[in-house]
PDB file of N, CA and C in Angstrom:
ATOM      1  N   MET A   1       0.843  -1.200   0.000  1.00  0.00           N
ATOM      2  CA  MET A   1       0.006   0.003  -0.003  1.00  0.00           C
ATOM      3  C   MET A   1       0.875   1.241   0.003  1.00  0.00           C
ATOM      4  N   HIS A   2       1.927   1.230   0.780  1.00  0.00           N
ATOM      5  CA  HIS A   2       2.824   2.392   0.865  1.00  0.00           C
ATOM      6  C   HIS A   2       3.459   2.671  -0.490  1.00  0.00           C
ATOM      7  N   SER A   3       3.828   1.618  -1.212  1.00  0.00           N
ATOM      8  CA  SER A   3       4.464   1.815  -2.520  1.00  0.00           C
ATOM      9  C   SER A   3       3.453   2.374  -3.515  1.00  0.00           C
ATOM     10  N   MET A   4       2.173   2.010  -3.375  1.00  0.00           N
ATOM     11  CA  MET A   4       1.150   2.566  -4.271  1.00  0.00           C
ATOM     12  C   MET A   4       0.977   4.052  -4.031  1.00  0.00           C
ATOM     13  N   ILE A   5       1.039   4.465  -2.784  1.00  0.00           N
ATOM     14  CA  ILE A   5       0.916   5.878  -2.469  1.00  0.00           C
ATOM     15  C   ILE A   5       2.105   6.648  -3.047  1.00  0.00           C
ATOM     16  N   LEU A   6       3.302   6.084  -2.901  1.00  0.00           N
ATOM     17  CA  LEU A   6       4.484   6.735  -3.467  1.00  0.00           C
ATOM     18  C   LEU A   6       4.388   6.807  -4.984  1.00  0.00           C
ATOM     19  N   LEU A   7       3.883   5.750  -5.608  1.00  0.00           N
ATOM     20  CA  LEU A   7       3.713   5.768  -7.065  1.00  0.00           C
ATOM     21  C   LEU A   7       2.709   6.839  -7.462  1.00  0.00           C
ATOM     22  N   ALA A   8       1.620   6.937  -6.731  1.00  0.00           N
ATOM     23  CA  ALA A   8       0.617   7.955  -7.007  1.00  0.00           C
ATOM     24  C   ALA A   8       1.228   9.346  -6.813  1.00  0.00           C
ATOM     25  N   TYR A   9       2.046   9.489  -5.804  1.00  0.00           N
ATOM     26  CA  TYR A   9       2.695  10.768  -5.552  1.00  0.00           C
ATOM     27  C   TYR A   9       3.646  11.111  -6.676  1.00  0.00           C
ATOM     28  N   ALA A  10       4.380  10.122  -7.176  1.00  0.00           N
ATOM     29  CA  ALA A  10       5.324  10.373  -8.247  1.00  0.00           C
ATOM     30  C   ALA A  10       4.608  10.753  -9.547  1.00  0.00           C
ATOM     31  N   GLN A  11       3.445  10.197  -9.778  1.00  0.00           N
ATOM     32  CA  GLN A  11       2.721  10.472 -11.013  1.00  0.00           C
ATOM     33  C   GLN A  11       2.056  11.816 -11.006  1.00  0.00           C
ATOM     34  N   THR A  12       1.802  12.404  -9.836  1.00  0.00           N
ATOM     35  CA  THR A  12       1.119  13.691  -9.792  1.00  0.00           C
ATOM     36  C   THR A  12       2.058  14.815 -10.200  1.00  0.00           C
ATOM     37  N   GLY A  13       3.346  14.649  -9.978  1.00  0.00           N
ATOM     38  CA  GLY A  13       4.297  15.696 -10.329  1.00  0.00           C
ATOM     39  C   GLY A  13       4.199  16.892  -9.397  1.00  0.00           C
ATOM     40  N   SER A  14       3.550  16.738  -8.279  1.00  0.00           N
ATOM     41  CA  SER A  14       3.344  17.834  -7.352  1.00  0.00           C
ATOM     42  C   SER A  14       4.281  17.661  -6.154  1.00  0.00           C
ATOM     43  N   SER A  15       4.751  18.778  -5.642  1.00  0.00           N
ATOM     44  CA  SER A  15       5.636  18.705  -4.472  1.00  0.00           C
ATOM     45  C   SER A  15       4.845  18.736  -3.174  1.00  0.00           C
ATOM     46  N   THR A  16       3.530  18.792  -3.266  1.00  0.00           N
ATOM     47  CA  THR A  16       2.689  18.805  -2.072  1.00  0.00           C
ATOM     48  C   THR A  16       1.816  17.557  -2.055  1.00  0.00           C
ATOM     49  N   TRP A  17       1.058  17.442  -0.996  1.00  0.00           N
ATOM     50  CA  TRP A  17       0.170  16.300  -0.870  1.00  0.00           C
ATOM     51  C   TRP A  17      -1.158  16.513  -1.585  1.00  0.00           C
ATOM     52  N   ASP A  18      -1.352  17.648  -2.252  1.00  0.00           N
ATOM     53  CA  ASP A  18      -2.600  17.948  -2.920  1.00  0.00           C
ATOM     54  C   ASP A  18      -2.982  16.882  -3.947  1.00  0.00           C
ATOM     55  N   GLY A  19      -1.989  16.439  -4.704  1.00  0.00           N
ATOM     56  CA  GLY A  19      -2.270  15.425  -5.740  1.00  0.00           C
ATOM     57  C   GLY A  19      -2.704  14.118  -5.141  1.00  0.00           C
ATOM     58  N   ILE A  20      -2.085  13.719  -4.049  1.00  0.00           N
ATOM     59  CA  ILE A  20      -2.446  12.450  -3.402  1.00  0.00           C
ATOM     60  C   ILE A  20      -3.841  12.551  -2.792  1.00  0.00           C
ATOM     61  N   VAL A  21      -4.132  13.662  -2.156  1.00  0.00           N
ATOM     62  CA  VAL A  21      -5.451  13.862  -1.571  1.00  0.00           C
ATOM     63  C   VAL A  21      -6.492  13.857  -2.672  1.00  0.00           C
ATOM     64  N   ASN A  22      -6.217  14.517  -3.775  1.00  0.00           N
ATOM     65  CA  ASN A  22      -7.157  14.552  -4.892  1.00  0.00           C
ATOM     66  C   ASN A  22      -7.403  13.162  -5.425  1.00  0.00           C
ATOM     67  N   MET A  23      -6.353  12.367  -5.573  1.00  0.00           N
ATOM     68  CA  MET A  23      -6.507  11.008  -6.075  1.00  0.00           C
ATOM     69  C   MET A  23      -7.272  10.132  -5.097  1.00  0.00           C
ATOM     70  N   ALA A  24      -7.036  10.305  -3.814  1.00  0.00           N
ATOM     71  CA  ALA A  24      -7.731   9.514  -2.794  1.00  0.00           C
ATOM     72  C   ALA A  24      -9.220   9.850  -2.766  1.00  0.00           C
ATOM     73  N   VAL A  25      -9.531  11.127  -2.826  1.00  0.00           N
ATOM     74  CA  VAL A  25     -10.941  11.542  -2.839  1.00  0.00           C
ATOM     75  C   VAL A  25     -11.617  11.039  -4.092  1.00  0.00           C
ATOM     76  N   SER A  26     -10.944  11.139  -5.234  1.00  0.00           N
ATOM     77  CA  SER A  26     -11.475  10.637  -6.503  1.00  0.00           C
ATOM     78  C   SER A  26     -11.729   9.128  -6.417  1.00  0.00           C
ATOM     79  N   ALA A  27     -10.788   8.383  -5.857  1.00  0.00           N
ATOM     80  CA  ALA A  27     -10.964   6.937  -5.718  1.00  0.00           C
ATOM     81  C   ALA A  27     -12.138   6.616  -4.802  1.00  0.00           C
ATOM     82  N   LEU A  28     -12.317   7.370  -3.746  1.00  0.00           N
ATOM     83  CA  LEU A  28     -13.422   7.156  -2.828  1.00  0.00           C
ATOM     84  C   LEU A  28     -14.755   7.419  -3.535  1.00  0.00           C
ATOM     85  N   ILE A  29     -14.847   8.523  -4.247  1.00  0.00           N
ATOM     86  CA  ILE A  29     -16.071   8.846  -4.964  1.00  0.00           C
ATOM     87  C   ILE A  29     -16.381   7.774  -6.004  1.00  0.00           C
ATOM     88  N   ASN A  30     -15.354   7.341  -6.763  1.00  0.00           N
ATOM     89  CA  ASN A  30     -15.573   6.304  -7.770  1.00  0.00           C
ATOM     90  C   ASN A  30     -16.041   5.002  -7.137  1.00  0.00           C
ATOM     91  N   SER A  31     -15.480   4.629  -6.004  1.00  0.00           N
ATOM     92  CA  SER A  31     -15.880   3.383  -5.353  1.00  0.00           C
ATOM     93  C   SER A  31     -17.335   3.446  -4.880  1.00  0.00           C
ATOM     94  N   VAL A  32     -17.765   4.605  -4.381  1.00  0.00           N
ATOM     95  CA  VAL A  32     -19.147   4.765  -3.959  1.00  0.00           C
ATOM     96  C   VAL A  32     -20.089   4.673  -5.152  1.00  0.00           C
ATOM     97  N   VAL A  33     -19.721   5.324  -6.256  1.00  0.00           N
ATOM     98  CA  VAL A  33     -20.550   5.285  -7.457  1.00  0.00           C
ATOM     99  C   VAL A  33     -20.633   3.851  -7.996  1.00  0.00           C
ATOM    100  N   TYR A  34     -19.500   3.163  -8.080  1.00  0.00           N
ATOM    101  CA  TYR A  34     -19.512   1.789  -8.579  1.00  0.00           C
ATOM    102  C   TYR A  34     -20.311   0.864  -7.656  1.00  0.00           C
ATOM    103  N   ALA A  35     -20.210   1.054  -6.365  1.00  0.00           N
ATOM    104  CA  ALA A  35     -20.996   0.238  -5.420  1.00  0.00           C
ATOM    105  C   ALA A  35     -22.486   0.483  -5.624  1.00  0.00           C
ATOM    106  N   LEU A  36     -22.874   1.729  -5.826  1.00  0.00           N
ATOM    107  CA  LEU A  36     -24.268   2.057  -6.061  1.00  0.00           C
ATOM    108  C   LEU A  36     -24.761   1.422  -7.359  1.00  0.00           C
ATOM    109  N   ILE A  37     -23.964   1.516  -8.407  1.00  0.00           N
ATOM    110  CA  ILE A  37     -24.329   0.899  -9.689  1.00  0.00           C
ATOM    111  C   ILE A  37     -24.465  -0.609  -9.529  1.00  0.00           C
ATOM    112  N   PHE A  38     -23.523  -1.223  -8.827  1.00  0.00           N
ATOM    113  CA  PHE A  38     -23.599  -2.670  -8.620  1.00  0.00           C
ATOM    114  C   PHE A  38     -24.870  -3.054  -7.861  1.00  0.00           C
ATOM    115  N   LYS A  39     -25.192  -2.313  -6.798  1.00  0.00           N
ATOM    116  CA  LYS A  39     -26.388  -2.643  -6.031  1.00  0.00           C
ATOM    117  C   LYS A  39     -27.639  -2.499  -6.867  1.00  0.00           C
ATOM    118  N   VAL A  40     -27.700  -1.483  -7.711  1.00  0.00           N
ATOM    119  CA  VAL A  40     -28.880  -1.292  -8.547  1.00  0.00           C
ATOM    120  C   VAL A  40     -28.974  -2.378  -9.614  1.00  0.00           C
ATOM    121  N   MET A  41     -27.852  -2.677 -10.247  1.00  0.00           N
ATOM    122  CA  MET A  41     -27.845  -3.643 -11.346  1.00  0.00           C
ATOM    123  C   MET A  41     -27.913  -5.084 -10.854  1.00  0.00           C
ATOM    124  N   HIS A  42     -27.556  -5.345  -9.614  1.00  0.00           N
ATOM    125  CA  HIS A  42     -27.476  -6.716  -9.095  1.00  0.00           C
ATOM    126  C   HIS A  42     -28.831  -7.417  -9.141  1.00  0.00           C
ATOM    127  N   ASP A  43     -29.901  -6.713  -8.857  1.00  0.00           N
ATOM    128  CA  ASP A  43     -31.224  -7.344  -8.769  1.00  0.00           C
ATOM    129  C   ASP A  43     -31.968  -7.351 -10.095  1.00  0.00           C
ATOM    130  N   LEU A  44     -31.378  -6.795 -11.139  1.00  0.00           N
ATOM    131  CA  LEU A  44     -32.044  -6.757 -12.429  1.00  0.00           C
ATOM    132  C   LEU A  44     -31.797  -8.025 -13.220  1.00  0.00           C
ATOM    133  N   THR A  45     -32.758  -8.373 -14.033  1.00  0.00           N
ATOM    134  CA  THR A  45     -32.563  -9.478 -14.970  1.00  0.00           C
ATOM    135  C   THR A  45     -31.748  -8.944 -16.133  1.00  0.00           C
ATOM    136  N   LEU A  46     -31.253  -9.844 -16.984  1.00  0.00           N
ATOM    137  CA  LEU A  46     -30.456  -9.424 -18.120  1.00  0.00           C
ATOM    138  C   LEU A  46     -31.208  -8.482 -19.054  1.00  0.00           C
ATOM    139  N   PRO A  47     -32.469  -8.774 -19.448  1.00  0.00           N
ATOM    140  CA  PRO A  47     -33.176  -7.825 -20.303  1.00  0.00           C
ATOM    141  C   PRO A  47     -33.360  -6.450 -19.649  1.00  0.00           C
ATOM    142  N   GLN A  48     -33.648  -6.439 -18.357  1.00  0.00           N
ATOM    143  CA  GLN A  48     -33.805  -5.161 -17.665  1.00  0.00           C
ATOM    144  C   GLN A  48     -32.494  -4.396 -17.646  1.00  0.00           C
ATOM    145  N   ALA A  49     -31.393  -5.088 -17.407  1.00  0.00           N
ATOM    146  CA  ALA A  49     -30.082  -4.433 -17.388  1.00  0.00           C
ATOM    147  C   ALA A  49     -29.749  -3.881 -18.775  1.00  0.00           C
ATOM    148  N   LEU A  50     -30.068  -4.618 -19.811  1.00  0.00           N
ATOM    149  CA  LEU A  50     -29.801  -4.132 -21.177  1.00  0.00           C
ATOM    150  C   LEU A  50     -30.616  -2.888 -21.495  1.00  0.00           C
ATOM    151  N   VAL A  51     -31.844  -2.850 -21.020  1.00  0.00           N
ATOM    152  CA  VAL A  51     -32.675  -1.657 -21.228  1.00  0.00           C
ATOM    153  C   VAL A  51     -32.077  -0.469 -20.483  1.00  0.00           C
ATOM    154  N   VAL A  52     -31.636  -0.674 -19.259  1.00  0.00           N
ATOM    155  CA  VAL A  52     -31.011   0.408 -18.491  1.00  0.00           C
ATOM    156  C   VAL A  52     -29.763   0.915 -19.201  1.00  0.00           C
ATOM    157  N   VAL A  53     -28.921   0.015 -19.670  1.00  0.00           N
ATOM    158  CA  VAL A  53     -27.707   0.401 -20.387  1.00  0.00           C
ATOM    159  C   VAL A  53     -28.055   1.168 -21.654  1.00  0.00           C
ATOM    160  N   ALA A  54     -29.046   0.688 -22.412  1.00  0.00           N
ATOM    161  CA  ALA A  54     -29.453   1.369 -23.640  1.00  0.00           C
ATOM    162  C   ALA A  54     -29.990   2.780 -23.346  1.00  0.00           C
ATOM    163  N   VAL A  55     -30.766   2.913 -22.299  1.00  0.00           N
ATOM    164  CA  VAL A  55     -31.319   4.224 -21.937  1.00  0.00           C
ATOM    165  C   VAL A  55     -30.208   5.177 -21.523  1.00  0.00           C
ATOM    166  N   VAL A  56     -29.249   4.684 -20.726  1.00  0.00           N
ATOM    167  CA  VAL A  56     -28.150   5.544 -20.277  1.00  0.00           C
ATOM    168  C   VAL A  56     -27.295   5.978 -21.454  1.00  0.00           C
ATOM    169  N   PHE A  57     -26.907   5.020 -22.317  1.00  0.00           N
ATOM    170  CA  PHE A  57     -26.084   5.396 -23.476  1.00  0.00           C
ATOM    171  C   PHE A  57     -26.853   6.285 -24.444  1.00  0.00           C
ATOM    172  N   GLY A  58     -28.130   6.018 -24.611  1.00  0.00           N
ATOM    173  CA  GLY A  58     -28.942   6.878 -25.473  1.00  0.00           C
ATOM    174  C   GLY A  58     -29.029   8.292 -24.923  1.00  0.00           C
ATOM    175  N   GLY A  59     -29.241   8.395 -23.615  1.00  0.00           N
ATOM    176  CA  GLY A  59     -29.294   9.705 -22.996  1.00  0.00           C
ATOM    177  C   GLY A  59     -27.980  10.464 -23.129  1.00  0.00           C
ATOM    178  N   LEU A  60     -26.871   9.753 -22.916  1.00  0.00           N
ATOM    179  CA  LEU A  60     -25.556  10.391 -23.087  1.00  0.00           C
ATOM    180  C   LEU A  60     -25.319  10.801 -24.538  1.00  0.00           C
ATOM    181  N   TYR A  61     -25.760   9.985 -25.464  1.00  0.00           N
ATOM    182  CA  TYR A  61     -25.592  10.315 -26.896  1.00  0.00           C
ATOM    183  C   TYR A  61     -26.370  11.593 -27.241  1.00  0.00           C
ATOM    184  N   PHE A  62     -27.639  11.646 -26.854  1.00  0.00           N
ATOM    185  CA  PHE A  62     -28.445  12.818 -27.200  1.00  0.00           C
ATOM    186  C   PHE A  62     -27.990  14.053 -26.434  1.00  0.00           C
ATOM    187  N   TRP A  63     -27.531  13.887 -25.205  1.00  0.00           N
ATOM    188  CA  TRP A  63     -26.990  15.019 -24.455  1.00  0.00           C
ATOM    189  C   TRP A  63     -25.739  15.558 -25.131  1.00  0.00           C
ATOM    190  N   SER A  64     -24.889  14.650 -25.593  1.00  0.00           N
ATOM    191  CA  SER A  64     -23.661  15.062 -26.289  1.00  0.00           C
ATOM    192  C   SER A  64     -24.001  15.785 -27.598  1.00  0.00           C
ATOM    193  N   ARG A  65     -24.955  15.276 -28.335  1.00  0.00           N
ATOM    194  CA  ARG A  65     -25.355  15.939 -29.591  1.00  0.00           C
ATOM    195  C   ARG A  65     -25.928  17.329 -29.327  1.00  0.00           C
ATOM    196  N   ALA A  66     -26.704  17.437 -28.253  1.00  0.00           N
ATOM    197  CA  ALA A  66     -27.294  18.742 -27.925  1.00  0.00           C
ATOM    198  C   ALA A  66     -26.194  19.732 -27.550  1.00  0.00           C
ATOM    199  N   ARG A  67     -25.192  19.285 -26.851  1.00  0.00           N
ATOM    200  CA  ARG A  67     -24.068  20.168 -26.486  1.00  0.00           C
ATOM    201  C   ARG A  67     -23.274  20.566 -27.715  1.00  0.00           C
ATOM    202  N   ASP A  68     -23.088  19.654 -28.667  1.00  0.00           N
ATOM    203  CA  ASP A  68     -22.360  19.950 -29.897  1.00  0.00           C
ATOM    204  C   ASP A  68     -23.082  21.014 -30.717  1.00  0.00           C
ATOM    205  N   ARG A  69     -24.399  20.956 -30.752  1.00  0.00           N
ATOM    206  CA  ARG A  69     -25.178  21.924 -31.556  1.00  0.00           C
ATOM    207  C   ARG A  69     -25.132  23.322 -30.957  1.00  0.00           C
ATOM    208  N   ARG A  70     -24.978  23.405 -29.632  1.00  0.00           N
ATOM    209  CA  ARG A  70     -24.924  24.723 -29.015  1.00  0.00           C
ATOM    210  C   ARG A  70     -23.623  25.434 -29.302  1.00  0.00           C
ATOM    211  N   GLY A  71     -22.580  24.642 -29.616  1.00  0.00           N
ATOM    212  CA  GLY A  71     -21.300  25.188 -30.025  1.00  0.00           C
ATOM    213  C   GLY A  71     -20.551  25.855 -28.975  1.00  0.00           C
TER     214      GLY A  71
END
């Protein structure tokens, strides 16, 4: 674990602990989001999960297109 922290510190290129704190907070937020997604998707059947994935990707696609048109 200590070597991972040093590696993270080396990759930030920062002489302070800001980069490590930022990476730790980001990892914590990502783990919470992934845990939530897993809990939601765990009880779904395969067809239900595919519908959820299609709706999410469709929403992201149309949101991206709307942002592109605004320029």
